[in-house]
Amino acid sequence: MRTTVTLNRDLEQILRETAVRTRKPFKKVLNDTLRSALESKLRPDTIERFVVHPKPMDLRAGHDPAGFNRLADDLEAEACLEPPRKLTSQSS
């Protein structure tokens, strides 16, 4: 596939120097460099895994942590059912 790419001057210089040093065509150096960079981004072993570090909530006895989620859901549902409030301008 033929396409036009605008390269920064410093990047072009690096690619040309690599082509001369490796005695490969500029086109091959460019394609190999792009392929290598893109494949390294897609490899699962290069993706840093997210780790959750649980901490105790130190809740008092009788407090149900799941109850907090239910309370938040109930408050959100009530807020959605309320009629919209009119904005009033306050004059100074």
PDB file of N, CA and C in Angstrom:
ATOM      1  N   MET A   1       0.850  -1.174   0.000  1.00  0.00           N
ATOM      2  CA  MET A   1       0.000   0.000   0.000  1.00  0.00           C
ATOM      3  C   MET A   1       0.896   1.238   0.000  1.00  0.00           C
ATOM      4  N   ARG A   2       0.536   2.181  -0.789  1.00  0.00           N
ATOM      5  CA  ARG A   2       1.310   3.404  -0.895  1.00  0.00           C
ATOM      6  C   ARG A   2       0.545   4.497  -0.158  1.00  0.00           C
ATOM      7  N   THR A   3       1.266   5.237   0.677  1.00  0.00           N
ATOM      8  CA  THR A   3       0.649   6.341   1.409  1.00  0.00           C
ATOM      9  C   THR A   3       1.688   7.425   1.642  1.00  0.00           C
ATOM     10  N   THR A   4       1.237   8.610   1.973  1.00  0.00           N
ATOM     11  CA  THR A   4       2.143   9.717   2.253  1.00  0.00           C
ATOM     12  C   THR A   4       2.177   9.947   3.757  1.00  0.00           C
ATOM     13  N   VAL A   5       3.382  10.036   4.288  1.00  0.00           N
ATOM     14  CA  VAL A   5       3.563  10.261   5.721  1.00  0.00           C
ATOM     15  C   VAL A   5       4.481  11.452   5.898  1.00  0.00           C
ATOM     16  N   THR A   6       4.120  12.356   6.782  1.00  0.00           N
ATOM     17  CA  THR A   6       4.984  13.489   7.090  1.00  0.00           C
ATOM     18  C   THR A   6       5.731  13.165   8.383  1.00  0.00           C
ATOM     19  N   LEU A   7       7.046  13.103   8.274  1.00  0.00           N
ATOM     20  CA  LEU A   7       7.883  12.764   9.426  1.00  0.00           C
ATOM     21  C   LEU A   7       8.560  14.017   9.970  1.00  0.00           C
ATOM     22  N   ASN A   8       8.773  14.044  11.265  1.00  0.00           N
ATOM     23  CA  ASN A   8       9.589  15.110  11.846  1.00  0.00           C
ATOM     24  C   ASN A   8      11.015  14.931  11.340  1.00  0.00           C
ATOM     25  N   ARG A   9      11.737  16.035  11.236  1.00  0.00           N
ATOM     26  CA  ARG A   9      13.093  15.979  10.677  1.00  0.00           C
ATOM     27  C   ARG A   9      14.008  15.074  11.491  1.00  0.00           C
ATOM     28  N   ASP A  10      13.908  15.156  12.812  1.00  0.00           N
ATOM     29  CA  ASP A  10      14.786  14.336  13.643  1.00  0.00           C
ATOM     30  C   ASP A  10      14.488  12.859  13.474  1.00  0.00           C
ATOM     31  N   LEU A  11      13.218  12.511  13.326  1.00  0.00           N
ATOM     32  CA  LEU A  11      12.824  11.118  13.139  1.00  0.00           C
ATOM     33  C   LEU A  11      13.289  10.613  11.772  1.00  0.00           C
ATOM     34  N   GLU A  12      13.137  11.447  10.770  1.00  0.00           N
ATOM     35  CA  GLU A  12      13.600  11.066   9.434  1.00  0.00           C
ATOM     36  C   GLU A  12      15.105  10.798   9.446  1.00  0.00           C
ATOM     37  N   GLN A  13      15.853  11.657  10.137  1.00  0.00           N
ATOM     38  CA  GLN A  13      17.303  11.494  10.214  1.00  0.00           C
ATOM     39  C   GLN A  13      17.668  10.171  10.892  1.00  0.00           C
ATOM     40  N   ILE A  14      16.981   9.852  11.968  1.00  0.00           N
ATOM     41  CA  ILE A  14      17.249   8.590  12.678  1.00  0.00           C
ATOM     42  C   ILE A  14      16.962   7.397  11.769  1.00  0.00           C
ATOM     43  N   LEU A  15      15.845   7.455  11.049  1.00  0.00           N
ATOM     44  CA  LEU A  15      15.488   6.351  10.150  1.00  0.00           C
ATOM     45  C   LEU A  15      16.502   6.217   9.015  1.00  0.00           C
ATOM     46  N   ARG A  16      16.927   7.341   8.449  1.00  0.00           N
ATOM     47  CA  ARG A  16      17.906   7.293   7.360  1.00  0.00           C
ATOM     48  C   ARG A  16      19.255   6.754   7.853  1.00  0.00           C
ATOM     49  N   GLU A  17      19.680   7.183   9.032  1.00  0.00           N
ATOM     50  CA  GLU A  17      20.943   6.678   9.590  1.00  0.00           C
ATOM     51  C   GLU A  17      20.863   5.176   9.854  1.00  0.00           C
ATOM     52  N   THR A  18      19.702   4.738  10.329  1.00  0.00           N
ATOM     53  CA  THR A  18      19.505   3.304  10.569  1.00  0.00           C
ATOM     54  C   THR A  18      19.548   2.535   9.261  1.00  0.00           C
ATOM     55  N   ALA A  19      18.945   3.104   8.219  1.00  0.00           N
ATOM     56  CA  ALA A  19      18.953   2.448   6.908  1.00  0.00           C
ATOM     57  C   ALA A  19      20.381   2.308   6.381  1.00  0.00           C
ATOM     58  N   VAL A  20      21.176   3.348   6.538  1.00  0.00           N
ATOM     59  CA  VAL A  20      22.565   3.293   6.074  1.00  0.00           C
ATOM     60  C   VAL A  20      23.360   2.289   6.906  1.00  0.00           C
ATOM     61  N   ARG A  21      23.197   2.361   8.233  1.00  0.00           N
ATOM     62  CA  ARG A  21      23.954   1.486   9.125  1.00  0.00           C
ATOM     63  C   ARG A  21      23.627   0.010   8.905  1.00  0.00           C
ATOM     64  N   THR A  22      22.333  -0.291   8.685  1.00  0.00           N
ATOM     65  CA  THR A  22      21.911  -1.683   8.517  1.00  0.00           C
ATOM     66  C   THR A  22      21.920  -2.132   7.058  1.00  0.00           C
ATOM     67  N   ARG A  23      22.194  -1.166   6.155  1.00  0.00           N
ATOM     68  CA  ARG A  23      22.199  -1.446   4.712  1.00  0.00           C
ATOM     69  C   ARG A  23      20.861  -2.015   4.242  1.00  0.00           C
ATOM     70  N   LYS A  24      19.805  -1.427   4.757  1.00  0.00           N
ATOM     71  CA  LYS A  24      18.448  -1.809   4.346  1.00  0.00           C
ATOM     72  C   LYS A  24      17.779  -0.598   3.726  1.00  0.00           C
ATOM     73  N   PRO A  25      16.811  -0.818   2.842  1.00  0.00           N
ATOM     74  CA  PRO A  25      16.088   0.319   2.257  1.00  0.00           C
ATOM     75  C   PRO A  25      15.317   1.097   3.336  1.00  0.00           C
ATOM     76  N   PHE A  26      15.210   2.401   3.116  1.00  0.00           N
ATOM     77  CA  PHE A  26      14.487   3.280   4.043  1.00  0.00           C
ATOM     78  C   PHE A  26      13.085   2.751   4.311  1.00  0.00           C
ATOM     79  N   LYS A  27      12.411   2.326   3.254  1.00  0.00           N
ATOM     80  CA  LYS A  27      11.043   1.819   3.364  1.00  0.00           C
ATOM     81  C   LYS A  27      10.968   0.627   4.328  1.00  0.00           C
ATOM     82  N   LYS A  28      11.949  -0.289   4.238  1.00  0.00           N
ATOM     83  CA  LYS A  28      11.948  -1.465   5.105  1.00  0.00           C
ATOM     84  C   LYS A  28      12.215  -1.061   6.553  1.00  0.00           C
ATOM     85  N   VAL A  29      13.141  -0.128   6.766  1.00  0.00           N
ATOM     86  CA  VAL A  29      13.442   0.337   8.121  1.00  0.00           C
ATOM     87  C   VAL A  29      12.209   0.988   8.739  1.00  0.00           C
ATOM     88  N   LEU A  30      11.521   1.817   7.957  1.00  0.00           N
ATOM     89  CA  LEU A  30      10.312   2.480   8.449  1.00  0.00           C
ATOM     90  C   LEU A  30       9.242   1.453   8.812  1.00  0.00           C
ATOM     91  N   ASN A  31       8.975   0.517   7.915  1.00  0.00           N
ATOM     92  CA  ASN A  31       7.960  -0.509   8.184  1.00  0.00           C
ATOM     93  C   ASN A  31       8.319  -1.377   9.388  1.00  0.00           C
ATOM     94  N   ASP A  32       9.584  -1.794   9.471  1.00  0.00           N
ATOM     95  CA  ASP A  32      10.020  -2.637  10.588  1.00  0.00           C
ATOM     96  C   ASP A  32       9.898  -1.900  11.922  1.00  0.00           C
ATOM     97  N   THR A  33      10.250  -0.615  11.913  1.00  0.00           N
ATOM     98  CA  THR A  33      10.173   0.187  13.130  1.00  0.00           C
ATOM     99  C   THR A  33       8.727   0.347  13.580  1.00  0.00           C
ATOM    100  N   LEU A  34       7.835   0.669  12.656  1.00  0.00           N
ATOM    101  CA  LEU A  34       6.416   0.812  12.994  1.00  0.00           C
ATOM    102  C   LEU A  34       5.835  -0.508  13.499  1.00  0.00           C
ATOM    103  N   ARG A  35       6.159  -1.592  12.802  1.00  0.00           N
ATOM    104  CA  ARG A  35       5.645  -2.904  13.182  1.00  0.00           C
ATOM    105  C   ARG A  35       6.103  -3.273  14.593  1.00  0.00           C
ATOM    106  N   SER A  36       7.364  -3.081  14.857  1.00  0.00           N
ATOM    107  CA  SER A  36       7.929  -3.414  16.164  1.00  0.00           C
ATOM    108  C   SER A  36       7.266  -2.593  17.278  1.00  0.00           C
ATOM    109  N   ALA A  37       7.111  -1.299  17.040  1.00  0.00           N
ATOM    110  CA  ALA A  37       6.504  -0.428  18.055  1.00  0.00           C
ATOM    111  C   ALA A  37       5.057  -0.809  18.311  1.00  0.00           C
ATOM    112  N   LEU A  38       4.301  -1.065  17.250  1.00  0.00           N
ATOM    113  CA  LEU A  38       2.891  -1.405  17.421  1.00  0.00           C
ATOM    114  C   LEU A  38       2.699  -2.774  18.064  1.00  0.00           C
ATOM    115  N   GLU A  39       3.526  -3.738  17.683  1.00  0.00           N
ATOM    116  CA  GLU A  39       3.400  -5.075  18.273  1.00  0.00           C
ATOM    117  C   GLU A  39       3.744  -5.060  19.752  1.00  0.00           C
ATOM    118  N   SER A  40       4.703  -4.239  20.151  1.00  0.00           N
ATOM    119  CA  SER A  40       5.069  -4.191  21.571  1.00  0.00           C
ATOM    120  C   SER A  40       3.935  -3.596  22.395  1.00  0.00           C
ATOM    121  N   LYS A  41       3.146  -2.720  21.808  1.00  0.00           N
ATOM    122  CA  LYS A  41       2.000  -2.142  22.514  1.00  0.00           C
ATOM    123  C   LYS A  41       0.872  -3.158  22.662  1.00  0.00           C
ATOM    124  N   LEU A  42       0.779  -4.113  21.736  1.00  0.00           N
ATOM    125  CA  LEU A  42      -0.327  -5.064  21.736  1.00  0.00           C
ATOM    126  C   LEU A  42      -0.032  -6.329  22.536  1.00  0.00           C
ATOM    127  N   ARG A  43       1.225  -6.566  22.888  1.00  0.00           N
ATOM    128  CA  ARG A  43       1.570  -7.780  23.618  1.00  0.00           C
ATOM    129  C   ARG A  43       1.023  -7.725  25.036  1.00  0.00           C
ATOM    130  N   PRO A  44       0.332  -8.773  25.464  1.00  0.00           N
ATOM    131  CA  PRO A  44      -0.230  -8.762  26.815  1.00  0.00           C
ATOM    132  C   PRO A  44       0.832  -8.736  27.905  1.00  0.00           C
ATOM    133  N   ASP A  45       2.041  -9.255  27.623  1.00  0.00           N
ATOM    134  CA  ASP A  45       3.063  -9.284  28.661  1.00  0.00           C
ATOM    135  C   ASP A  45       3.638  -7.899  28.946  1.00  0.00           C
ATOM    136  N   THR A  46       3.389  -6.932  28.064  1.00  0.00           N
ATOM    137  CA  THR A  46       3.901  -5.590  28.303  1.00  0.00           C
ATOM    138  C   THR A  46       2.880  -4.718  29.030  1.00  0.00           C
ATOM    139  N   ILE A  47       1.668  -5.215  29.189  1.00  0.00           N
ATOM    140  CA  ILE A  47       0.633  -4.452  29.869  1.00  0.00           C
ATOM    141  C   ILE A  47       0.774  -4.675  31.373  1.00  0.00           C
ATOM    142  N   GLU A  48       0.897  -3.580  32.105  1.00  0.00           N
ATOM    143  CA  GLU A  48       1.037  -3.688  33.545  1.00  0.00           C
ATOM    144  C   GLU A  48      -0.314  -4.048  34.150  1.00  0.00           C
ATOM    145  N   ARG A  49      -0.312  -5.075  34.957  1.00  0.00           N
ATOM    146  CA  ARG A  49      -1.553  -5.533  35.560  1.00  0.00           C
ATOM    147  C   ARG A  49      -1.937  -4.626  36.721  1.00  0.00           C
ATOM    148  N   PHE A  50      -3.233  -4.373  36.838  1.00  0.00           N
ATOM    149  CA  PHE A  50      -3.754  -3.567  37.928  1.00  0.00           C
ATOM    150  C   PHE A  50      -4.011  -4.480  39.118  1.00  0.00           C
ATOM    151  N   VAL A  51      -3.473  -4.123  40.257  1.00  0.00           N
ATOM    152  CA  VAL A  51      -3.615  -4.949  41.450  1.00  0.00           C
ATOM    153  C   VAL A  51      -4.398  -4.168  42.493  1.00  0.00           C
ATOM    154  N   VAL A  52      -5.408  -4.791  43.056  1.00  0.00           N
ATOM    155  CA  VAL A  52      -6.202  -4.175  44.116  1.00  0.00           C
ATOM    156  C   VAL A  52      -5.601  -4.580  45.451  1.00  0.00           C
ATOM    157  N   HIS A  53      -5.340  -3.597  46.291  1.00  0.00           N
ATOM    158  CA  HIS A  53      -4.825  -3.859  47.623  1.00  0.00           C
ATOM    159  C   HIS A  53      -5.951  -3.570  48.612  1.00  0.00           C
ATOM    160  N   PRO A  54      -6.675  -4.600  49.051  1.00  0.00           N
ATOM    161  CA  PRO A  54      -7.805  -4.371  49.940  1.00  0.00           C
ATOM    162  C   PRO A  54      -7.345  -3.884  51.319  1.00  0.00           C
ATOM    163  N   LYS A  55      -8.174  -3.071  51.917  1.00  0.00           N
ATOM    164  CA  LYS A  55      -7.900  -2.564  53.259  1.00  0.00           C
ATOM    165  C   LYS A  55      -9.157  -2.753  54.095  1.00  0.00           C
ATOM    166  N   PRO A  56      -9.001  -3.037  55.378  1.00  0.00           N
ATOM    167  CA  PRO A  56     -10.188  -3.200  56.222  1.00  0.00           C
ATOM    168  C   PRO A  56     -10.932  -1.871  56.343  1.00  0.00           C
ATOM    169  N   MET A  57     -12.269  -1.942  56.391  1.00  0.00           N
ATOM    170  CA  MET A  57     -13.085  -0.732  56.470  1.00  0.00           C
ATOM    171  C   MET A  57     -13.251  -0.255  57.901  1.00  0.00           C
ATOM    172  N   ASP A  58     -12.921  -1.095  58.852  1.00  0.00           N
ATOM    173  CA  ASP A  58     -13.039  -0.745  60.267  1.00  0.00           C
ATOM    174  C   ASP A  58     -14.432  -0.222  60.613  1.00  0.00           C
ATOM    175  N   LEU A  59     -15.446  -0.923  60.125  1.00  0.00           N
ATOM    176  CA  LEU A  59     -16.827  -0.540  60.440  1.00  0.00           C
ATOM    177  C   LEU A  59     -17.201  -1.047  61.823  1.00  0.00           C
ATOM    178  N   ARG A  60     -18.052  -0.315  62.457  1.00  0.00           N
ATOM    179  CA  ARG A  60     -18.548  -0.751  63.753  1.00  0.00           C
ATOM    180  C   ARG A  60     -19.445  -1.969  63.568  1.00  0.00           C
ATOM    181  N   ALA A  61     -19.551  -2.763  64.593  1.00  0.00           N
ATOM    182  CA  ALA A  61     -20.405  -3.942  64.538  1.00  0.00           C
ATOM    183  C   ALA A  61     -21.841  -3.525  64.234  1.00  0.00           C
ATOM    184  N   GLY A  62     -22.481  -4.261  63.368  1.00  0.00           N
ATOM    185  CA  GLY A  62     -23.864  -3.972  63.010  1.00  0.00           C
ATOM    186  C   GLY A  62     -24.016  -3.145  61.750  1.00  0.00           C
ATOM    187  N   HIS A  63     -22.935  -2.607  61.212  1.00  0.00           N
ATOM    188  CA  HIS A  63     -22.998  -1.846  59.967  1.00  0.00           C
ATOM    189  C   HIS A  63     -22.750  -2.790  58.805  1.00  0.00           C
ATOM    190  N   ASP A  64     -23.702  -2.805  57.886  1.00  0.00           N
ATOM    191  CA  ASP A  64     -23.607  -3.684  56.723  1.00  0.00           C
ATOM    192  C   ASP A  64     -23.050  -2.886  55.545  1.00  0.00           C
ATOM    193  N   PRO A  65     -21.836  -3.225  55.073  1.00  0.00           N
ATOM    194  CA  PRO A  65     -21.267  -2.465  53.957  1.00  0.00           C
ATOM    195  C   PRO A  65     -22.148  -2.475  52.718  1.00  0.00           C
ATOM    196  N   ALA A  66     -22.857  -3.568  52.464  1.00  0.00           N
ATOM    197  CA  ALA A  66     -23.750  -3.631  51.305  1.00  0.00           C
ATOM    198  C   ALA A  66     -24.906  -2.655  51.473  1.00  0.00           C
ATOM    199  N   GLY A  67     -25.264  -2.358  52.705  1.00  0.00           N
ATOM    200  CA  GLY A  67     -26.348  -1.418  52.974  1.00  0.00           C
ATOM    201  C   GLY A  67     -26.019  -0.024  52.476  1.00  0.00           C
ATOM    202  N   PHE A  68     -24.730   0.345  52.483  1.00  0.00           N
ATOM    203  CA  PHE A  68     -24.343   1.661  51.980  1.00  0.00           C
ATOM    204  C   PHE A  68     -24.652   1.777  50.491  1.00  0.00           C
ATOM    205  N   ASN A  69     -24.419   0.716  49.740  1.00  0.00           N
ATOM    206  CA  ASN A  69     -24.732   0.737  48.313  1.00  0.00           C
ATOM    207  C   ASN A  69     -26.236   0.856  48.094  1.00  0.00           C
ATOM    208  N   ARG A  70     -27.011   0.122  48.885  1.00  0.00           N
ATOM    209  CA  ARG A  70     -28.470   0.215  48.759  1.00  0.00           C
ATOM    210  C   ARG A  70     -28.942   1.624  49.098  1.00  0.00           C
ATOM    211  N   LEU A  71     -28.365   2.216  50.134  1.00  0.00           N
ATOM    212  CA  LEU A  71     -28.733   3.573  50.514  1.00  0.00           C
ATOM    213  C   LEU A  71     -28.416   4.547  49.383  1.00  0.00           C
ATOM    214  N   ALA A  72     -27.244   4.429  48.788  1.00  0.00           N
ATOM    215  CA  ALA A  72     -26.873   5.303  47.670  1.00  0.00           C
ATOM    216  C   ALA A  72     -27.828   5.114  46.495  1.00  0.00           C
ATOM    217  N   ASP A  73     -28.203   3.868  46.201  1.00  0.00           N
ATOM    218  CA  ASP A  73     -29.146   3.598  45.114  1.00  0.00           C
ATOM    219  C   ASP A  73     -30.507   4.222  45.414  1.00  0.00           C
ATOM    220  N   ASP A  74     -30.973   4.090  46.654  1.00  0.00           N
ATOM    221  CA  ASP A  74     -32.272   4.646  47.041  1.00  0.00           C
ATOM    222  C   ASP A  74     -32.269   6.167  46.923  1.00  0.00           C
ATOM    223  N   LEU A  75     -31.195   6.798  47.381  1.00  0.00           N
ATOM    224  CA  LEU A  75     -31.119   8.260  47.301  1.00  0.00           C
ATOM    225  C   LEU A  75     -31.079   8.732  45.846  1.00  0.00           C
ATOM    226  N   GLU A  76     -30.376   7.994  45.018  1.00  0.00           N
ATOM    227  CA  GLU A  76     -30.310   8.361  43.603  1.00  0.00           C
ATOM    228  C   GLU A  76     -31.684   8.207  42.950  1.00  0.00           C
ATOM    229  N   ALA A  77     -32.394   7.123  43.272  1.00  0.00           N
ATOM    230  CA  ALA A  77     -33.725   6.901  42.697  1.00  0.00           C
ATOM    231  C   ALA A  77     -34.685   7.999  43.140  1.00  0.00           C
ATOM    232  N   GLU A  78     -34.606   8.401  44.410  1.00  0.00           N
ATOM    233  CA  GLU A  78     -35.480   9.481  44.897  1.00  0.00           C
ATOM    234  C   GLU A  78     -35.172  10.789  44.178  1.00  0.00           C
ATOM    235  N   ALA A  79     -33.912  11.061  43.948  1.00  0.00           N
ATOM    236  CA  ALA A  79     -33.527  12.300  43.272  1.00  0.00           C
ATOM    237  C   ALA A  79     -34.055  12.322  41.840  1.00  0.00           C
ATOM    238  N   CYS A  80     -34.108  11.171  41.202  1.00  0.00           N
ATOM    239  CA  CYS A  80     -34.606  11.110  39.825  1.00  0.00           C
ATOM    240  C   CYS A  80     -36.120  11.300  39.766  1.00  0.00           C
ATOM    241  N   LEU A  81     -36.824  10.914  40.824  1.00  0.00           N
ATOM    242  CA  LEU A  81     -38.275  11.012  40.842  1.00  0.00           C
ATOM    243  C   LEU A  81     -38.761  12.414  41.197  1.00  0.00           C
ATOM    244  N   GLU A  82     -37.920  13.218  41.842  1.00  0.00           N
ATOM    245  CA  GLU A  82     -38.323  14.568  42.229  1.00  0.00           C
ATOM    246  C   GLU A  82     -38.507  15.426  40.988  1.00  0.00           C
ATOM    247  N   PRO A  83     -39.482  16.329  41.028  1.00  0.00           N
ATOM    248  CA  PRO A  83     -39.646  17.235  39.887  1.00  0.00           C
ATOM    249  C   PRO A  83     -38.427  18.157  39.797  1.00  0.00           C
ATOM    250  N   PRO A  84     -38.083  18.557  38.579  1.00  0.00           N
ATOM    251  CA  PRO A  84     -36.915  19.428  38.431  1.00  0.00           C
ATOM    252  C   PRO A  84     -37.122  20.754  39.152  1.00  0.00           C
ATOM    253  N   ARG A  85     -36.083  21.241  39.751  1.00  0.00           N
ATOM    254  CA  ARG A  85     -36.169  22.510  40.477  1.00  0.00           C
ATOM    255  C   ARG A  85     -35.893  23.658  39.518  1.00  0.00           C
ATOM    256  N   LYS A  86     -36.578  24.763  39.742  1.00  0.00           N
ATOM    257  CA  LYS A  86     -36.348  25.946  38.921  1.00  0.00           C
ATOM    258  C   LYS A  86     -35.165  26.710  39.507  1.00  0.00           C
ATOM    259  N   LEU A  87     -34.345  27.203  38.623  1.00  0.00           N
ATOM    260  CA  LEU A  87     -33.221  28.009  39.075  1.00  0.00           C
ATOM    261  C   LEU A  87     -33.713  29.404  39.372  1.00  0.00           C
ATOM    262  N   THR A  88     -33.302  29.922  40.501  1.00  0.00           N
ATOM    263  CA  THR A  88     -33.686  31.290  40.845  1.00  0.00           C
ATOM    264  C   THR A  88     -32.428  32.130  40.895  1.00  0.00           C
ATOM    265  N   SER A  89     -32.526  33.319  40.375  1.00  0.00           N
ATOM    266  CA  SER A  89     -31.361  34.202  40.403  1.00  0.00           C
ATOM    267  C   SER A  89     -31.421  35.009  41.684  1.00  0.00           C
ATOM    268  N   GLN A  90     -30.283  35.152  42.304  1.00  0.00           N
ATOM    269  CA  GLN A  90     -30.200  35.928  43.534  1.00  0.00           C
ATOM    270  C   GLN A  90     -29.572  37.257  43.188  1.00  0.00           C
ATOM    271  N   SER A  91     -30.261  38.321  43.543  1.00  0.00           N
ATOM    272  CA  SER A  91     -29.702  39.647  43.276  1.00  0.00           C
ATOM    273  C   SER A  91     -29.014  40.143  44.532  1.00  0.00           C
ATOM    274  N   SER A  92     -27.946  40.922  44.344  1.00  0.00           N
ATOM    275  CA  SER A  92     -27.194  41.383  45.501  1.00  0.00           C
ATOM    276  C   SER A  92     -27.642  42.738  46.000  1.00  0.00           C
TER     277      SER A  92
END
